[in-house]
């Protein structure tokens, strides 16, 4: 299921990785006069900081980062995308061993994957 986001602002990937992906705490991020409290230690940020932004399946690398507000939510988060030929593909935190197959929610079981490859993988173990 594809989430719908309101895009608030583009940020430098390096700035996001330098300031987020650390355990604990929150950071205020200002956008158009509005301050948003963003969790610094989300599992996705830590994954992308530690394992990089290359899809483990196709090798494509995220090249854009946006602060986005998910539909019907009040707290935005950073999403990473590969933008090629005007098309955007979201980067995801994939479970190496899917939860449906007993995989755990832990950094050792996460890998960076683009949404296209993640949809193809579904609940398979590659």
C-alpha atoms as a PDB file:
ATOM      1  CA  UNK A   1       0.000   0.000   0.000  1.00  0.00           C
ATOM      2  CA  UNK A   2       1.434   3.359  -1.076  1.00  0.00           C
ATOM      3  CA  UNK A   3       1.321   6.167   1.488  1.00  0.00           C
ATOM      4  CA  UNK A   4       0.403   9.677   0.427  1.00  0.00           C
ATOM      5  CA  UNK A   5       2.635  12.493   1.614  1.00  0.00           C
ATOM      6  CA  UNK A   6       2.587  16.265   1.666  1.00  0.00           C
ATOM      7  CA  UNK A   7       6.060  17.403   0.710  1.00  0.00           C
ATOM      8  CA  UNK A   8       7.274  20.161   3.029  1.00  0.00           C
ATOM      9  CA  UNK A   9      10.855  20.836   1.884  1.00  0.00           C
ATOM     10  CA  UNK A  10      13.879  19.273   0.196  1.00  0.00           C
ATOM     11  CA  UNK A  11      16.959  18.740   2.372  1.00  0.00           C
ATOM     12  CA  UNK A  12      20.516  17.699   1.618  1.00  0.00           C
ATOM     13  CA  UNK A  13      20.959  13.954   2.123  1.00  0.00           C
ATOM     14  CA  UNK A  14      24.279  14.610   3.860  1.00  0.00           C
ATOM     15  CA  UNK A  15      22.705  17.142   6.243  1.00  0.00           C
ATOM     16  CA  UNK A  16      19.989  14.644   7.221  1.00  0.00           C
ATOM     17  CA  UNK A  17      22.465  11.790   7.740  1.00  0.00           C
ATOM     18  CA  UNK A  18      24.776  14.072   9.776  1.00  0.00           C
ATOM     19  CA  UNK A  19      21.954  15.209  12.065  1.00  0.00           C
ATOM     20  CA  UNK A  20      19.761  12.105  12.243  1.00  0.00           C
ATOM     21  CA  UNK A  21      20.410   8.376  12.522  1.00  0.00           C
ATOM     22  CA  UNK A  22      21.561   8.673  16.107  1.00  0.00           C
ATOM     23  CA  UNK A  23      19.877   6.941  19.026  1.00  0.00           C
ATOM     24  CA  UNK A  24      17.602   9.057  21.182  1.00  0.00           C
ATOM     25  CA  UNK A  25      16.289  12.553  21.169  1.00  0.00           C
ATOM     26  CA  UNK A  26      14.478  14.844  18.813  1.00  0.00           C
ATOM     27  CA  UNK A  27      15.480  17.850  16.771  1.00  0.00           C
ATOM     28  CA  UNK A  28      13.440  20.887  15.788  1.00  0.00           C
ATOM     29  CA  UNK A  29      13.369  21.457  12.044  1.00  0.00           C
ATOM     30  CA  UNK A  30      11.955  24.723  10.735  1.00  0.00           C
ATOM     31  CA  UNK A  31       9.998  24.880   7.496  1.00  0.00           C
ATOM     32  CA  UNK A  32       8.137  28.011   6.322  1.00  0.00           C
ATOM     33  CA  UNK A  33       7.842  29.428   9.833  1.00  0.00           C
ATOM     34  CA  UNK A  34       6.638  26.111  11.304  1.00  0.00           C
ATOM     35  CA  UNK A  35       8.822  24.058  13.676  1.00  0.00           C
ATOM     36  CA  UNK A  36       8.569  20.272  13.583  1.00  0.00           C
ATOM     37  CA  UNK A  37      10.012  17.973  16.242  1.00  0.00           C
ATOM     38  CA  UNK A  38      11.645  15.071  14.362  1.00  0.00           C
ATOM     39  CA  UNK A  39      12.824  11.877  16.069  1.00  0.00           C
ATOM     40  CA  UNK A  40      16.586  11.575  15.541  1.00  0.00           C
ATOM     41  CA  UNK A  41      16.893   7.841  16.077  1.00  0.00           C
ATOM     42  CA  UNK A  42      14.331   6.219  13.801  1.00  0.00           C
ATOM     43  CA  UNK A  43      15.313   2.763  12.580  1.00  0.00           C
ATOM     44  CA  UNK A  44      15.180   3.998   8.954  1.00  0.00           C
ATOM     45  CA  UNK A  45      17.605   6.882   9.560  1.00  0.00           C
ATOM     46  CA  UNK A  46      20.003   4.598  11.436  1.00  0.00           C
ATOM     47  CA  UNK A  47      19.799   1.999   8.645  1.00  0.00           C
ATOM     48  CA  UNK A  48      20.507   4.533   5.895  1.00  0.00           C
ATOM     49  CA  UNK A  49      23.342   6.099   7.884  1.00  0.00           C
ATOM     50  CA  UNK A  50      24.992   2.737   8.667  1.00  0.00           C
ATOM     51  CA  UNK A  51      24.319   0.759   5.472  1.00  0.00           C
ATOM     52  CA  UNK A  52      24.007   3.556   2.926  1.00  0.00           C
ATOM     53  CA  UNK A  53      21.408   4.537   0.370  1.00  0.00           C
ATOM     54  CA  UNK A  54      22.019   1.961  -2.359  1.00  0.00           C
ATOM     55  CA  UNK A  55      19.254  -0.559  -3.043  1.00  0.00           C
ATOM     56  CA  UNK A  56      20.643  -4.004  -2.174  1.00  0.00           C
ATOM     57  CA  UNK A  57      18.828  -5.499  -5.167  1.00  0.00           C
ATOM     58  CA  UNK A  58      19.198  -3.108  -8.121  1.00  0.00           C
ATOM     59  CA  UNK A  59      22.055  -0.940  -6.811  1.00  0.00           C
ATOM     60  CA  UNK A  60      20.326   2.362  -7.543  1.00  0.00           C
ATOM     61  CA  UNK A  61      21.272   5.094  -5.077  1.00  0.00           C
ATOM     62  CA  UNK A  62      18.946   7.608  -3.439  1.00  0.00           C
ATOM     63  CA  UNK A  63      19.744  11.121  -4.634  1.00  0.00           C
ATOM     64  CA  UNK A  64      16.993  13.248  -3.027  1.00  0.00           C
ATOM     65  CA  UNK A  65      15.647  13.728   0.464  1.00  0.00           C
ATOM     66  CA  UNK A  66      12.405  15.452   1.439  1.00  0.00           C
ATOM     67  CA  UNK A  67      10.742  16.228   4.733  1.00  0.00           C
ATOM     68  CA  UNK A  68       7.225  14.891   4.211  1.00  0.00           C
ATOM     69  CA  UNK A  69       4.046  14.706   6.218  1.00  0.00           C
ATOM     70  CA  UNK A  70       2.137  11.436   5.832  1.00  0.00           C
ATOM     71  CA  UNK A  71      -1.582  11.750   5.163  1.00  0.00           C
ATOM     72  CA  UNK A  72      -3.640  11.926   8.383  1.00  0.00           C
ATOM     73  CA  UNK A  73      -0.511  12.286  10.561  1.00  0.00           C
ATOM     74  CA  UNK A  74       0.894  15.297  12.397  1.00  0.00           C
ATOM     75  CA  UNK A  75       4.600  14.468  12.564  1.00  0.00           C
ATOM     76  CA  UNK A  76       6.652  14.606   9.356  1.00  0.00           C
ATOM     77  CA  UNK A  77       9.706  12.491   8.600  1.00  0.00           C
ATOM     78  CA  UNK A  78      12.475  12.411   6.039  1.00  0.00           C
ATOM     79  CA  UNK A  79      12.010  10.207   2.995  1.00  0.00           C
ATOM     80  CA  UNK A  80      14.781   9.323   0.580  1.00  0.00           C
ATOM     81  CA  UNK A  81      14.195   8.853  -3.150  1.00  0.00           C
ATOM     82  CA  UNK A  82      15.990   7.962  -6.350  1.00  0.00           C
ATOM     83  CA  UNK A  83      14.903  10.464  -8.982  1.00  0.00           C
ATOM     84  CA  UNK A  84      15.649   9.384 -12.561  1.00  0.00           C
ATOM     85  CA  UNK A  85      14.166  10.854 -15.736  1.00  0.00           C
ATOM     86  CA  UNK A  86      11.599  12.754 -13.666  1.00  0.00           C
ATOM     87  CA  UNK A  87      10.343   9.603 -11.900  1.00  0.00           C
ATOM     88  CA  UNK A  88      10.668   9.201  -8.127  1.00  0.00           C
ATOM     89  CA  UNK A  89      11.096   5.908  -6.298  1.00  0.00           C
ATOM     90  CA  UNK A  90      10.931   5.853  -2.495  1.00  0.00           C
ATOM     91  CA  UNK A  91      13.640   4.075  -0.496  1.00  0.00           C
ATOM     92  CA  UNK A  92      12.465   1.679   2.192  1.00  0.00           C
ATOM     93  CA  UNK A  93      13.688  -0.228   5.214  1.00  0.00           C
ATOM     94  CA  UNK A  94      13.293  -3.840   4.089  1.00  0.00           C
ATOM     95  CA  UNK A  95      13.338  -6.858   6.396  1.00  0.00           C
ATOM     96  CA  UNK A  96      15.966  -9.350   5.177  1.00  0.00           C
ATOM     97  CA  UNK A  97      13.966 -12.147   6.795  1.00  0.00           C
ATOM     98  CA  UNK A  98      10.360 -10.971   6.490  1.00  0.00           C
ATOM     99  CA  UNK A  99       8.348 -10.557   9.671  1.00  0.00           C
ATOM    100  CA  UNK A 100       5.853 -13.053   8.240  1.00  0.00           C
ATOM    101  CA  UNK A 101       8.676 -15.626   8.210  1.00  0.00           C
ATOM    102  CA  UNK A 102       9.807 -14.890  11.773  1.00  0.00           C
ATOM    103  CA  UNK A 103      12.149 -11.986  11.030  1.00  0.00           C
ATOM    104  CA  UNK A 104      12.804  -9.516  13.817  1.00  0.00           C
ATOM    105  CA  UNK A 105      12.529  -5.728  13.928  1.00  0.00           C
ATOM    106  CA  UNK A 106      16.234  -5.011  14.451  1.00  0.00           C
ATOM    107  CA  UNK A 107      19.049  -3.308  12.547  1.00  0.00           C
ATOM    108  CA  UNK A 108      20.697  -6.660  11.750  1.00  0.00           C
ATOM    109  CA  UNK A 109      17.546  -7.671   9.854  1.00  0.00           C
ATOM    110  CA  UNK A 110      17.121  -4.425   7.888  1.00  0.00           C
ATOM    111  CA  UNK A 111      18.514  -3.522   4.487  1.00  0.00           C
ATOM    112  CA  UNK A 112      18.025  -0.499   2.216  1.00  0.00           C
ATOM    113  CA  UNK A 113      15.818  -1.254  -0.773  1.00  0.00           C
ATOM    114  CA  UNK A 114      13.978   0.870  -3.308  1.00  0.00           C
ATOM    115  CA  UNK A 115      10.188   0.566  -3.310  1.00  0.00           C
ATOM    116  CA  UNK A 116      10.154  -1.112  -6.753  1.00  0.00           C
ATOM    117  CA  UNK A 117      12.453  -3.920  -5.642  1.00  0.00           C
ATOM    118  CA  UNK A 118      10.703  -4.187  -2.266  1.00  0.00           C
ATOM    119  CA  UNK A 119       7.352  -4.670  -4.004  1.00  0.00           C
ATOM    120  CA  UNK A 120       8.842  -7.428  -6.189  1.00  0.00           C
ATOM    121  CA  UNK A 121      10.434  -9.117  -3.176  1.00  0.00           C
ATOM    122  CA  UNK A 122       7.169  -9.113  -1.223  1.00  0.00           C
ATOM    123  CA  UNK A 123       7.573 -11.660   1.613  1.00  0.00           C
ATOM    124  CA  UNK A 124      10.295 -13.737  -0.030  1.00  0.00           C
ATOM    125  CA  UNK A 125      13.752 -14.305   1.428  1.00  0.00           C
ATOM    126  CA  UNK A 126      16.354 -13.448  -1.215  1.00  0.00           C
END
